[in-house]
Amino acid sequence: MDNNNEESKKIYYTKTDLRKLGFTDSMFKAEDFPKPCDRWEAFYGGKKIYYYVYDPDDINDYINSNEAISTKLQKNLERREKQSKSLKKTIDAKYNTTIDYINSIHIHVKREEYEELRRRSLDYIEYRRCLSCRNSWDYDPRDYNIPKITPRNIVNTIRHELTEYDDTLAELFKKIGKKDAYHILIDKTYDEIKNVYPEYAKEIERQRKEHHERV
């Protein structure tokens, strides 16, 4: 038998692995805790890091030869399971709160004439263009051609400036369940825009599909 080959197939424990077995940081510091059998290196965030690994045979012998350690590991695992269930319950409650909130809101859409929508769209395009310049005022207005306003520009303007979409989106930031809530917000927003501006139905449905696929 090739001992070197067998050794290469052997799976060693890291401290992360040992924590999954119920070990804690304080247990690692015990004088009789098995010593690491090797130090490995890895790259994390572009930097070289070192970590110790433990021989599974040493760990198993340590557990089997000490009933107090075996009992403590079992209690630690049971405590973690209770904590995990409690945490899941808390997360589920926060998730439901987020979904209930987004389901309860009503998106209001203000109706404006086309010229006002066009003006707002032009303002936003100019704002974005200025942001892309090194100096917002470092351009000659005589070189500026007024862009053609498309249905996409109009619907974007309606969504961002004539609804509560942006404010509601900000409220969902860091909320548990925000991804599912965002899908609901998308439908609520575009449904109401479509009710108020049916003439842009085709563009509304295109954007709705695009937003759902983007999340």
N, C-alpha and C. Protein backbone atom coordinates (compact mmCIF):
# COMPACT_ATOMS: atom_id res chain seq x y z
N MET A 1 0.84 -1.20 0.00
CA MET A 1 0.00 0.00 0.00
C MET A 1 0.88 1.26 0.00
N ASP A 2 0.48 2.25 -0.77
CA ASP A 2 1.24 3.49 -0.86
C ASP A 2 0.83 4.40 0.29
N ASN A 3 1.68 4.48 1.32
CA ASN A 3 1.34 5.29 2.49
C ASN A 3 1.24 6.77 2.15
N ASN A 4 2.10 7.23 1.22
CA ASN A 4 2.05 8.65 0.84
C ASN A 4 0.73 8.98 0.18
N ASN A 5 0.22 8.06 -0.64
CA ASN A 5 -1.05 8.30 -1.32
C ASN A 5 -2.19 8.33 -0.31
N GLU A 6 -2.14 7.41 0.67
CA GLU A 6 -3.17 7.37 1.70
C GLU A 6 -3.15 8.66 2.52
N GLU A 7 -1.93 9.14 2.79
CA GLU A 7 -1.78 10.36 3.58
C GLU A 7 -2.36 11.57 2.85
N SER A 8 -2.17 11.59 1.51
CA SER A 8 -2.67 12.72 0.73
C SER A 8 -4.19 12.77 0.69
N LYS A 9 -4.81 11.59 0.87
CA LYS A 9 -6.27 11.53 0.84
C LYS A 9 -6.89 11.82 2.21
N LYS A 10 -6.07 11.84 3.22
CA LYS A 10 -6.56 12.05 4.57
C LYS A 10 -7.13 13.45 4.71
N ILE A 11 -8.27 13.54 5.36
CA ILE A 11 -8.92 14.83 5.55
C ILE A 11 -8.59 15.34 6.95
N TYR A 12 -8.03 16.54 7.02
CA TYR A 12 -7.64 17.12 8.29
C TYR A 12 -8.69 18.13 8.75
N TYR A 13 -8.70 18.36 10.06
CA TYR A 13 -9.64 19.30 10.65
C TYR A 13 -9.02 20.68 10.76
N THR A 14 -9.79 21.69 10.42
CA THR A 14 -9.43 23.06 10.76
C THR A 14 -10.23 23.42 12.01
N LYS A 15 -9.97 24.58 12.58
CA LYS A 15 -10.74 24.99 13.75
C LYS A 15 -12.21 25.19 13.40
N THR A 16 -12.47 25.59 12.18
CA THR A 16 -13.86 25.73 11.74
C THR A 16 -14.57 24.38 11.77
N ASP A 17 -13.86 23.36 11.30
CA ASP A 17 -14.43 22.01 11.34
C ASP A 17 -14.69 21.56 12.77
N LEU A 18 -13.75 21.87 13.64
CA LEU A 18 -13.87 21.45 15.04
C LEU A 18 -15.03 22.16 15.74
N ARG A 19 -15.26 23.41 15.38
CA ARG A 19 -16.39 24.14 15.97
C ARG A 19 -17.71 23.48 15.59
N LYS A 20 -17.76 22.92 14.39
CA LYS A 20 -18.97 22.21 13.96
C LYS A 20 -19.21 20.95 14.78
N LEU A 21 -18.15 20.42 15.40
CA LEU A 21 -18.26 19.23 16.25
C LEU A 21 -18.64 19.60 17.68
N GLY A 22 -18.66 20.92 17.95
CA GLY A 22 -19.05 21.37 19.29
C GLY A 22 -17.93 22.00 20.09
N PHE A 23 -16.72 22.05 19.54
CA PHE A 23 -15.61 22.67 20.25
C PHE A 23 -15.78 24.19 20.28
N THR A 24 -15.24 24.79 21.34
CA THR A 24 -15.29 26.24 21.49
C THR A 24 -13.86 26.78 21.59
N ASP A 25 -13.73 28.09 21.50
CA ASP A 25 -12.39 28.71 21.57
C ASP A 25 -11.71 28.41 22.91
N SER A 26 -12.50 28.41 23.98
CA SER A 26 -11.90 28.13 25.29
C SER A 26 -11.39 26.70 25.38
N MET A 27 -12.06 25.78 24.68
CA MET A 27 -11.62 24.38 24.69
C MET A 27 -10.31 24.22 23.92
N PHE A 28 -10.11 25.05 22.90
CA PHE A 28 -8.86 25.00 22.14
C PHE A 28 -7.66 25.36 23.01
N LYS A 29 -7.91 26.16 24.06
CA LYS A 29 -6.81 26.66 24.90
C LYS A 29 -6.44 25.69 26.03
N ALA A 30 -7.22 24.61 26.15
CA ALA A 30 -6.92 23.64 27.22
C ALA A 30 -5.54 23.02 27.01
N GLU A 31 -4.85 22.77 28.09
CA GLU A 31 -3.49 22.25 28.00
C GLU A 31 -3.43 20.88 27.34
N ASP A 32 -4.49 20.06 27.55
CA ASP A 32 -4.45 18.70 27.00
C ASP A 32 -5.07 18.60 25.60
N PHE A 33 -5.45 19.77 25.04
CA PHE A 33 -6.05 19.73 23.69
C PHE A 33 -4.97 19.33 22.68
N PRO A 34 -5.28 18.46 21.73
CA PRO A 34 -4.29 17.99 20.75
C PRO A 34 -3.60 19.15 20.02
N LYS A 35 -2.32 18.98 19.81
CA LYS A 35 -1.56 20.00 19.10
C LYS A 35 -1.82 19.88 17.60
N PRO A 36 -1.77 21.01 16.87
CA PRO A 36 -1.92 20.93 15.41
C PRO A 36 -0.82 20.09 14.79
N CYS A 37 -1.14 19.39 13.72
CA CYS A 37 -0.15 18.53 13.07
C CYS A 37 0.56 19.23 11.92
N ASP A 38 0.02 20.37 11.50
CA ASP A 38 0.65 21.07 10.38
C ASP A 38 0.10 22.49 10.31
N ARG A 39 0.82 23.33 9.55
CA ARG A 39 0.36 24.69 9.28
C ARG A 39 0.28 24.86 7.78
N TRP A 40 -0.93 25.21 7.31
CA TRP A 40 -1.14 25.37 5.88
C TRP A 40 -1.27 26.86 5.53
N GLU A 41 -1.10 27.14 4.26
CA GLU A 41 -1.25 28.53 3.81
C GLU A 41 -2.34 28.62 2.76
N ALA A 42 -2.94 29.77 2.68
CA ALA A 42 -3.99 30.02 1.69
C ALA A 42 -3.99 31.51 1.38
N PHE A 43 -4.72 31.87 0.35
CA PHE A 43 -4.83 33.28 -0.03
C PHE A 43 -6.27 33.74 0.21
N TYR A 44 -6.39 34.84 0.93
CA TYR A 44 -7.72 35.40 1.23
C TYR A 44 -7.66 36.90 1.04
N GLY A 45 -8.52 37.41 0.16
CA GLY A 45 -8.50 38.84 -0.11
C GLY A 45 -7.19 39.32 -0.69
N GLY A 46 -6.54 38.43 -1.46
CA GLY A 46 -5.27 38.81 -2.07
C GLY A 46 -4.08 38.73 -1.14
N LYS A 47 -4.31 38.26 0.11
CA LYS A 47 -3.22 38.17 1.07
C LYS A 47 -3.01 36.72 1.47
N LYS A 48 -1.75 36.39 1.76
CA LYS A 48 -1.43 35.04 2.22
C LYS A 48 -1.74 34.93 3.70
N ILE A 49 -2.48 33.89 4.07
CA ILE A 49 -2.78 33.64 5.47
C ILE A 49 -2.35 32.23 5.83
N TYR A 50 -2.12 32.01 7.11
CA TYR A 50 -1.71 30.69 7.60
C TYR A 50 -2.75 30.19 8.60
N TYR A 51 -2.99 28.90 8.60
CA TYR A 51 -3.91 28.32 9.57
C TYR A 51 -3.44 26.90 9.91
N TYR A 52 -3.79 26.49 11.12
CA TYR A 52 -3.36 25.18 11.60
C TYR A 52 -4.42 24.12 11.30
N VAL A 53 -3.95 22.90 11.11
CA VAL A 53 -4.85 21.77 10.89
C VAL A 53 -4.53 20.68 11.92
N TYR A 54 -5.56 19.88 12.18
CA TYR A 54 -5.45 18.86 13.22
C TYR A 54 -5.72 17.48 12.62
N ASP A 55 -5.00 16.52 13.13
CA ASP A 55 -5.17 15.14 12.69
C ASP A 55 -6.48 14.59 13.28
N PRO A 56 -7.38 14.09 12.45
CA PRO A 56 -8.66 13.58 12.96
C PRO A 56 -8.50 12.42 13.94
N ASP A 57 -7.44 11.65 13.77
CA ASP A 57 -7.20 10.54 14.71
C ASP A 57 -6.91 11.09 16.10
N ASP A 58 -6.12 12.16 16.16
CA ASP A 58 -5.81 12.78 17.46
C ASP A 58 -7.07 13.33 18.11
N ILE A 59 -7.91 13.95 17.31
CA ILE A 59 -9.15 14.54 17.84
C ILE A 59 -10.09 13.44 18.34
N ASN A 60 -10.24 12.39 17.57
CA ASN A 60 -11.12 11.29 17.98
C ASN A 60 -10.62 10.63 19.26
N ASP A 61 -9.32 10.43 19.36
CA ASP A 61 -8.75 9.85 20.58
C ASP A 61 -9.00 10.76 21.77
N TYR A 62 -8.90 12.08 21.55
CA TYR A 62 -9.11 13.05 22.62
C TYR A 62 -10.55 12.99 23.13
N ILE A 63 -11.48 12.88 22.19
CA ILE A 63 -12.90 12.82 22.56
C ILE A 63 -13.23 11.50 23.26
N ASN A 64 -12.76 10.40 22.70
CA ASN A 64 -13.10 9.07 23.22
C ASN A 64 -12.46 8.76 24.56
N SER A 65 -11.34 9.41 24.84
CA SER A 65 -10.63 9.13 26.08
C SER A 65 -11.07 10.02 27.23
N ASN A 66 -11.96 10.95 26.95
CA ASN A 66 -12.38 11.89 27.98
C ASN A 66 -13.91 12.04 27.93
N GLU A 67 -14.59 11.39 28.84
CA GLU A 67 -16.05 11.41 28.84
C GLU A 67 -16.60 12.82 29.08
N ALA A 68 -15.88 13.61 29.90
CA ALA A 68 -16.33 14.97 30.18
C ALA A 68 -16.32 15.82 28.91
N ILE A 69 -15.30 15.62 28.09
CA ILE A 69 -15.21 16.36 26.82
C ILE A 69 -16.35 15.94 25.89
N SER A 70 -16.58 14.64 25.80
CA SER A 70 -17.65 14.13 24.94
C SER A 70 -19.00 14.69 25.36
N THR A 71 -19.24 14.72 26.68
CA THR A 71 -20.51 15.26 27.20
C THR A 71 -20.63 16.75 26.90
N LYS A 72 -19.53 17.47 27.07
CA LYS A 72 -19.54 18.92 26.82
C LYS A 72 -19.82 19.23 25.35
N LEU A 73 -19.23 18.43 24.47
CA LEU A 73 -19.48 18.64 23.04
C LEU A 73 -20.95 18.44 22.71
N GLN A 74 -21.54 17.41 23.29
CA GLN A 74 -22.94 17.12 23.05
C GLN A 74 -23.83 18.26 23.55
N LYS A 75 -23.51 18.78 24.73
CA LYS A 75 -24.29 19.89 25.28
C LYS A 75 -24.13 21.15 24.42
N ASN A 76 -22.91 21.37 23.95
CA ASN A 76 -22.67 22.54 23.10
C ASN A 76 -23.49 22.46 21.81
N LEU A 77 -23.54 21.28 21.22
CA LEU A 77 -24.31 21.09 19.99
C LEU A 77 -25.80 21.27 20.24
N GLU A 78 -26.28 20.77 21.38
CA GLU A 78 -27.70 20.92 21.71
C GLU A 78 -28.04 22.39 21.94
N ARG A 79 -27.13 23.12 22.62
CA ARG A 79 -27.36 24.54 22.85
C ARG A 79 -27.37 25.32 21.53
N ARG A 80 -26.45 24.97 20.64
CA ARG A 80 -26.40 25.65 19.34
C ARG A 80 -27.67 25.39 18.53
N GLU A 81 -28.18 24.17 18.64
CA GLU A 81 -29.41 23.84 17.90
C GLU A 81 -30.58 24.68 18.41
N LYS A 82 -30.65 24.86 19.74
CA LYS A 82 -31.71 25.70 20.32
C LYS A 82 -31.54 27.15 19.87
N GLN A 83 -30.29 27.61 19.88
CA GLN A 83 -30.02 28.99 19.45
C GLN A 83 -30.38 29.16 17.97
N SER A 84 -30.06 28.14 17.17
CA SER A 84 -30.37 28.19 15.75
C SER A 84 -31.87 28.27 15.51
N LYS A 85 -32.63 27.47 16.27
CA LYS A 85 -34.09 27.50 16.13
C LYS A 85 -34.65 28.85 16.56
N SER A 86 -34.09 29.39 17.64
CA SER A 86 -34.54 30.70 18.13
C SER A 86 -34.23 31.79 17.11
N LEU A 87 -33.02 31.70 16.53
CA LEU A 87 -32.62 32.68 15.53
C LEU A 87 -33.52 32.59 14.30
N LYS A 88 -33.82 31.36 13.88
CA LYS A 88 -34.69 31.17 12.72
C LYS A 88 -36.07 31.76 12.97
N LYS A 89 -36.56 31.58 14.20
CA LYS A 89 -37.87 32.12 14.56
C LYS A 89 -37.85 33.65 14.47
N THR A 90 -36.76 34.25 14.94
CA THR A 90 -36.62 35.71 14.89
C THR A 90 -36.54 36.20 13.45
N ILE A 91 -35.75 35.49 12.64
CA ILE A 91 -35.60 35.86 11.23
C ILE A 91 -36.93 35.73 10.49
N ASP A 92 -37.65 34.65 10.75
CA ASP A 92 -38.95 34.45 10.11
C ASP A 92 -39.92 35.57 10.48
N ALA A 93 -39.88 35.98 11.75
CA ALA A 93 -40.78 37.05 12.20
C ALA A 93 -40.45 38.37 11.50
N LYS A 94 -39.15 38.67 11.36
CA LYS A 94 -38.74 39.90 10.69
C LYS A 94 -39.06 39.84 9.20
N TYR A 95 -38.90 38.66 8.62
CA TYR A 95 -39.24 38.49 7.21
C TYR A 95 -40.74 38.76 7.00
N ASN A 96 -41.57 38.17 7.84
CA ASN A 96 -43.02 38.36 7.72
C ASN A 96 -43.41 39.82 7.92
N THR A 97 -42.70 40.50 8.83
CA THR A 97 -42.99 41.93 9.06
C THR A 97 -42.70 42.74 7.80
N THR A 98 -41.58 42.43 7.15
CA THR A 98 -41.22 43.13 5.91
C THR A 98 -42.24 42.89 4.81
N ILE A 99 -42.63 41.62 4.63
CA ILE A 99 -43.59 41.27 3.58
C ILE A 99 -44.97 41.87 3.88
N ASP A 100 -45.38 41.82 5.14
CA ASP A 100 -46.68 42.42 5.52
C ASP A 100 -46.68 43.92 5.24
N TYR A 101 -45.54 44.55 5.53
CA TYR A 101 -45.45 46.00 5.30
C TYR A 101 -45.58 46.32 3.82
N ILE A 102 -44.83 45.61 2.98
CA ILE A 102 -44.83 45.93 1.56
C ILE A 102 -46.18 45.60 0.93
N ASN A 103 -46.86 44.60 1.48
CA ASN A 103 -48.20 44.26 0.98
C ASN A 103 -49.24 45.29 1.38
N SER A 104 -48.98 46.00 2.47
CA SER A 104 -49.97 46.94 3.00
C SER A 104 -49.91 48.31 2.35
N ILE A 105 -48.78 48.65 1.74
CA ILE A 105 -48.64 50.01 1.21
C ILE A 105 -49.39 50.15 -0.12
N HIS A 106 -49.73 51.38 -0.41
CA HIS A 106 -50.36 51.69 -1.70
C HIS A 106 -49.47 52.69 -2.43
N ILE A 107 -49.13 52.37 -3.66
CA ILE A 107 -48.30 53.25 -4.47
C ILE A 107 -49.20 54.26 -5.18
N HIS A 108 -48.92 55.54 -4.94
CA HIS A 108 -49.66 56.61 -5.59
C HIS A 108 -48.86 57.11 -6.80
N VAL A 109 -49.55 57.32 -7.89
CA VAL A 109 -48.91 57.81 -9.11
C VAL A 109 -49.61 59.09 -9.55
N LYS A 110 -48.83 60.14 -9.70
CA LYS A 110 -49.38 61.43 -10.11
C LYS A 110 -49.44 61.53 -11.62
N ARG A 111 -50.55 61.99 -12.14
CA ARG A 111 -50.71 62.15 -13.58
C ARG A 111 -50.21 63.53 -13.98
N GLU A 112 -49.31 63.55 -14.97
CA GLU A 112 -48.80 64.81 -15.51
C GLU A 112 -48.94 64.78 -17.03
N GLU A 113 -49.00 65.99 -17.60
CA GLU A 113 -49.06 66.08 -19.06
C GLU A 113 -47.70 65.72 -19.65
N TYR A 114 -47.71 65.39 -20.93
CA TYR A 114 -46.48 64.91 -21.59
C TYR A 114 -45.37 65.94 -21.51
N GLU A 115 -45.67 67.22 -21.70
CA GLU A 115 -44.63 68.25 -21.69
C GLU A 115 -43.91 68.31 -20.35
N GLU A 116 -44.67 68.11 -19.26
CA GLU A 116 -44.05 68.12 -17.94
C GLU A 116 -43.18 66.89 -17.76
N LEU A 117 -43.64 65.75 -18.23
CA LEU A 117 -42.84 64.52 -18.16
C LEU A 117 -41.57 64.67 -18.99
N ARG A 118 -41.70 65.30 -20.16
CA ARG A 118 -40.55 65.50 -21.02
C ARG A 118 -39.54 66.43 -20.36
N ARG A 119 -40.03 67.48 -19.73
CA ARG A 119 -39.14 68.43 -19.04
C ARG A 119 -38.38 67.74 -17.91
N ARG A 120 -39.09 66.96 -17.13
CA ARG A 120 -38.45 66.25 -16.02
C ARG A 120 -37.41 65.25 -16.54
N SER A 121 -37.74 64.59 -17.63
CA SER A 121 -36.81 63.62 -18.21
C SER A 121 -35.55 64.31 -18.70
N LEU A 122 -35.70 65.44 -19.34
CA LEU A 122 -34.54 66.20 -19.82
C LEU A 122 -33.67 66.66 -18.65
N ASP A 123 -34.32 67.10 -17.58
CA ASP A 123 -33.56 67.53 -16.40
C ASP A 123 -32.73 66.38 -15.84
N TYR A 124 -33.32 65.20 -15.80
CA TYR A 124 -32.61 64.04 -15.25
C TYR A 124 -31.45 63.64 -16.16
N ILE A 125 -31.68 63.66 -17.48
CA ILE A 125 -30.62 63.32 -18.42
C ILE A 125 -29.47 64.31 -18.31
N GLU A 126 -29.79 65.59 -18.19
CA GLU A 126 -28.76 66.61 -18.05
C GLU A 126 -28.00 66.43 -16.74
N TYR A 127 -28.73 66.08 -15.68
CA TYR A 127 -28.09 65.85 -14.38
C TYR A 127 -27.08 64.71 -14.47
N ARG A 128 -27.49 63.61 -15.11
CA ARG A 128 -26.61 62.47 -15.26
C ARG A 128 -25.41 62.81 -16.14
N ARG A 129 -25.64 63.61 -17.16
CA ARG A 129 -24.55 64.00 -18.06
C ARG A 129 -23.52 64.85 -17.33
N CYS A 130 -24.01 65.75 -16.48
CA CYS A 130 -23.10 66.60 -15.72
C CYS A 130 -22.27 65.78 -14.74
N LEU A 131 -22.88 64.77 -14.15
CA LEU A 131 -22.15 63.92 -13.20
C LEU A 131 -20.99 63.19 -13.87
N SER A 132 -21.17 62.90 -15.15
CA SER A 132 -20.13 62.16 -15.87
C SER A 132 -18.98 63.07 -16.30
N CYS A 133 -19.15 64.37 -16.18
CA CYS A 133 -18.08 65.30 -16.56
C CYS A 133 -17.09 65.46 -15.41
N ARG A 134 -15.86 65.72 -15.74
CA ARG A 134 -14.87 66.00 -14.70
C ARG A 134 -15.29 67.24 -13.93
N ASN A 135 -15.73 68.23 -14.63
CA ASN A 135 -16.24 69.46 -14.02
C ASN A 135 -17.65 69.65 -14.55
N SER A 136 -18.63 69.69 -13.65
CA SER A 136 -20.03 69.77 -14.07
C SER A 136 -20.31 70.96 -14.98
N TRP A 137 -19.49 72.02 -14.86
CA TRP A 137 -19.74 73.22 -15.67
C TRP A 137 -18.77 73.33 -16.84
N ASP A 138 -17.95 72.32 -17.02
CA ASP A 138 -16.92 72.39 -18.06
C ASP A 138 -17.45 71.84 -19.38
N TYR A 139 -18.45 72.50 -19.92
CA TYR A 139 -18.94 72.13 -21.24
C TYR A 139 -19.60 73.35 -21.87
N ASP A 140 -19.66 73.35 -23.18
CA ASP A 140 -20.25 74.47 -23.91
C ASP A 140 -21.68 74.11 -24.27
N PRO A 141 -22.67 74.80 -23.73
CA PRO A 141 -24.07 74.50 -24.03
C PRO A 141 -24.38 74.52 -25.52
N ARG A 142 -23.58 75.27 -26.28
CA ARG A 142 -23.84 75.34 -27.73
C ARG A 142 -23.56 74.00 -28.41
N ASP A 143 -22.75 73.16 -27.74
CA ASP A 143 -22.43 71.84 -28.30
C ASP A 143 -23.44 70.77 -27.87
N TYR A 144 -24.42 71.18 -27.08
CA TYR A 144 -25.35 70.21 -26.49
C TYR A 144 -26.59 70.06 -27.37
N ASN A 145 -26.81 68.87 -27.85
CA ASN A 145 -28.02 68.58 -28.62
C ASN A 145 -29.08 67.98 -27.71
N ILE A 146 -30.27 68.53 -27.76
CA ILE A 146 -31.35 68.02 -26.92
C ILE A 146 -31.68 66.59 -27.34
N PRO A 147 -31.57 65.63 -26.42
CA PRO A 147 -31.81 64.24 -26.79
C PRO A 147 -33.28 63.95 -27.06
N LYS A 148 -33.50 62.89 -27.79
CA LYS A 148 -34.86 62.44 -28.03
C LYS A 148 -35.36 61.71 -26.79
N ILE A 149 -36.53 62.08 -26.33
CA ILE A 149 -37.10 61.45 -25.15
C ILE A 149 -37.89 60.22 -25.57
N THR A 150 -37.51 59.08 -25.00
CA THR A 150 -38.13 57.80 -25.35
C THR A 150 -39.13 57.39 -24.28
N PRO A 151 -39.99 56.41 -24.59
CA PRO A 151 -40.89 55.88 -23.56
C PRO A 151 -40.14 55.40 -22.33
N ARG A 152 -38.95 54.87 -22.53
CA ARG A 152 -38.14 54.42 -21.39
C ARG A 152 -37.83 55.59 -20.47
N ASN A 153 -37.43 56.73 -21.03
CA ASN A 153 -37.16 57.91 -20.23
C ASN A 153 -38.40 58.36 -19.46
N ILE A 154 -39.53 58.33 -20.14
CA ILE A 154 -40.77 58.78 -19.53
C ILE A 154 -41.16 57.89 -18.36
N VAL A 155 -41.14 56.57 -18.57
CA VAL A 155 -41.54 55.65 -17.50
C VAL A 155 -40.57 55.71 -16.32
N ASN A 156 -39.29 55.86 -16.62
CA ASN A 156 -38.31 56.03 -15.55
C ASN A 156 -38.61 57.28 -14.72
N THR A 157 -38.94 58.36 -15.42
CA THR A 157 -39.26 59.61 -14.73
C THR A 157 -40.49 59.44 -13.85
N ILE A 158 -41.50 58.79 -14.38
CA ILE A 158 -42.71 58.56 -13.59
C ILE A 158 -42.38 57.75 -12.33
N ARG A 159 -41.63 56.67 -12.51
CA ARG A 159 -41.34 55.77 -11.38
C ARG A 159 -40.52 56.48 -10.30
N HIS A 160 -39.51 57.24 -10.71
CA HIS A 160 -38.62 57.86 -9.74
C HIS A 160 -39.14 59.17 -9.15
N GLU A 161 -39.91 59.92 -9.91
CA GLU A 161 -40.29 61.25 -9.46
C GLU A 161 -41.77 61.40 -9.12
N LEU A 162 -42.61 60.51 -9.62
CA LEU A 162 -44.06 60.69 -9.41
C LEU A 162 -44.68 59.55 -8.61
N THR A 163 -43.84 58.72 -7.97
CA THR A 163 -44.33 57.67 -7.08
C THR A 163 -43.46 57.64 -5.83
N GLU A 164 -43.84 56.79 -4.87
CA GLU A 164 -43.06 56.61 -3.64
C GLU A 164 -42.03 55.50 -3.79
N TYR A 165 -41.78 55.09 -5.03
CA TYR A 165 -40.91 53.93 -5.28
C TYR A 165 -39.54 54.08 -4.62
N ASP A 166 -38.84 55.18 -4.85
CA ASP A 166 -37.49 55.36 -4.32
C ASP A 166 -37.48 55.37 -2.79
N ASP A 167 -38.45 56.08 -2.18
CA ASP A 167 -38.51 56.14 -0.72
C ASP A 167 -38.78 54.76 -0.12
N THR A 168 -39.68 54.02 -0.76
CA THR A 168 -40.00 52.68 -0.26
C THR A 168 -38.81 51.75 -0.42
N LEU A 169 -38.11 51.88 -1.53
CA LEU A 169 -36.92 51.07 -1.77
C LEU A 169 -35.87 51.33 -0.69
N ALA A 170 -35.72 52.59 -0.31
CA ALA A 170 -34.75 52.94 0.73
C ALA A 170 -35.16 52.33 2.07
N GLU A 171 -36.45 52.26 2.33
CA GLU A 171 -36.93 51.66 3.59
C GLU A 171 -36.62 50.17 3.66
N LEU A 172 -36.54 49.52 2.51
CA LEU A 172 -36.27 48.07 2.48
C LEU A 172 -34.80 47.74 2.67
N PHE A 173 -33.93 48.75 2.58
CA PHE A 173 -32.49 48.52 2.67
C PHE A 173 -32.15 47.86 3.99
N LYS A 174 -31.43 46.75 3.93
CA LYS A 174 -30.98 45.96 5.08
C LYS A 174 -32.12 45.22 5.80
N LYS A 175 -33.32 45.26 5.25
CA LYS A 175 -34.43 44.53 5.85
C LYS A 175 -34.34 43.05 5.48
N ILE A 176 -34.69 42.19 6.41
CA ILE A 176 -34.77 40.76 6.10
C ILE A 176 -35.99 40.53 5.23
N GLY A 177 -35.79 39.85 4.10
CA GLY A 177 -36.89 39.63 3.17
C GLY A 177 -36.98 40.68 2.09
N LYS A 178 -35.95 41.54 1.98
CA LYS A 178 -36.01 42.66 1.04
C LYS A 178 -36.09 42.20 -0.41
N LYS A 179 -35.48 41.05 -0.71
CA LYS A 179 -35.50 40.57 -2.10
C LYS A 179 -36.92 40.23 -2.55
N ASP A 180 -37.63 39.47 -1.73
CA ASP A 180 -39.02 39.13 -2.06
C ASP A 180 -39.90 40.37 -2.02
N ALA A 181 -39.61 41.25 -1.06
CA ALA A 181 -40.39 42.49 -0.96
C ALA A 181 -40.18 43.36 -2.20
N TYR A 182 -38.97 43.35 -2.73
CA TYR A 182 -38.69 44.15 -3.92
C TYR A 182 -39.51 43.67 -5.11
N HIS A 183 -39.66 42.36 -5.25
CA HIS A 183 -40.49 41.84 -6.35
C HIS A 183 -41.94 42.33 -6.20
N ILE A 184 -42.43 42.35 -4.98
CA ILE A 184 -43.79 42.84 -4.73
C ILE A 184 -43.88 44.32 -5.06
N LEU A 185 -42.85 45.08 -4.63
CA LEU A 185 -42.83 46.52 -4.90
C LEU A 185 -42.81 46.80 -6.39
N ILE A 186 -42.05 46.02 -7.14
CA ILE A 186 -41.98 46.18 -8.59
C ILE A 186 -43.38 46.07 -9.20
N ASP A 187 -44.08 45.00 -8.83
CA ASP A 187 -45.41 44.78 -9.39
C ASP A 187 -46.40 45.87 -8.96
N LYS A 188 -46.37 46.24 -7.69
CA LYS A 188 -47.27 47.28 -7.21
C LYS A 188 -47.03 48.60 -7.96
N THR A 189 -45.75 48.94 -8.13
CA THR A 189 -45.41 50.21 -8.78
C THR A 189 -45.83 50.22 -10.24
N TYR A 190 -45.45 49.18 -10.97
CA TYR A 190 -45.76 49.16 -12.39
C TYR A 190 -47.26 48.96 -12.65
N ASP A 191 -47.94 48.24 -11.78
CA ASP A 191 -49.39 48.10 -11.93
C ASP A 191 -50.07 49.47 -11.85
N GLU A 192 -49.65 50.26 -10.86
CA GLU A 192 -50.29 51.57 -10.67
C GLU A 192 -49.89 52.55 -11.77
N ILE A 193 -48.62 52.49 -12.21
CA ILE A 193 -48.21 53.36 -13.32
C ILE A 193 -49.03 53.01 -14.57
N LYS A 194 -49.25 51.74 -14.78
CA LYS A 194 -50.03 51.29 -15.95
C LYS A 194 -51.47 51.75 -15.87
N ASN A 195 -52.01 51.79 -14.65
CA ASN A 195 -53.39 52.27 -14.48
C ASN A 195 -53.52 53.75 -14.82
N VAL A 196 -52.49 54.52 -14.45
CA VAL A 196 -52.54 55.97 -14.64
C VAL A 196 -52.03 56.38 -16.02
N TYR A 197 -51.08 55.63 -16.54
CA TYR A 197 -50.50 55.92 -17.86
C TYR A 197 -50.62 54.70 -18.77
N PRO A 198 -51.81 54.31 -19.15
CA PRO A 198 -51.98 53.11 -20.00
C PRO A 198 -51.31 53.23 -21.36
N GLU A 199 -51.05 54.46 -21.80
CA GLU A 199 -50.42 54.65 -23.11
C GLU A 199 -48.97 54.14 -23.14
N TYR A 200 -48.40 53.90 -21.96
CA TYR A 200 -47.03 53.38 -21.90
C TYR A 200 -46.99 51.92 -21.45
N ALA A 201 -48.07 51.21 -21.68
CA ALA A 201 -48.19 49.83 -21.20
C ALA A 201 -47.06 48.93 -21.71
N LYS A 202 -46.72 49.07 -22.98
CA LYS A 202 -45.68 48.21 -23.55
C LYS A 202 -44.34 48.41 -22.86
N GLU A 203 -43.95 49.66 -22.67
CA GLU A 203 -42.69 49.96 -22.00
C GLU A 203 -42.73 49.56 -20.53
N ILE A 204 -43.87 49.73 -19.92
CA ILE A 204 -44.03 49.35 -18.51
C ILE A 204 -43.79 47.86 -18.33
N GLU A 205 -44.37 47.05 -19.20
CA GLU A 205 -44.19 45.60 -19.09
C GLU A 205 -42.76 45.19 -19.40
N ARG A 206 -42.12 45.91 -20.31
CA ARG A 206 -40.72 45.61 -20.62
C ARG A 206 -39.86 45.87 -19.40
N GLN A 207 -40.08 47.01 -18.74
CA GLN A 207 -39.29 47.35 -17.56
C GLN A 207 -39.61 46.42 -16.39
N ARG A 208 -40.87 46.05 -16.26
CA ARG A 208 -41.25 45.14 -15.18
C ARG A 208 -40.45 43.83 -15.30
N LYS A 209 -40.45 43.27 -16.51
CA LYS A 209 -39.72 42.03 -16.76
C LYS A 209 -38.23 42.21 -16.50
N GLU A 210 -37.69 43.32 -16.93
CA GLU A 210 -36.26 43.61 -16.75
C GLU A 210 -35.90 43.69 -15.27
N HIS A 211 -36.75 44.35 -14.49
CA HIS A 211 -36.47 44.50 -13.07
C HIS A 211 -36.56 43.18 -12.33
N HIS A 212 -37.54 42.36 -12.67
CA HIS A 212 -37.67 41.06 -12.01
C HIS A 212 -36.46 40.19 -12.31
N GLU A 213 -35.96 40.24 -13.52
CA GLU A 213 -34.82 39.41 -13.92
C GLU A 213 -33.53 39.93 -13.30
N ARG A 214 -33.50 41.20 -12.98
CA ARG A 214 -32.28 41.82 -12.45
C ARG A 214 -32.02 41.43 -11.00
N VAL A 215 -33.08 41.16 -10.26
CA VAL A 215 -32.94 40.86 -8.82
C VAL A 215 -32.36 39.47 -8.62
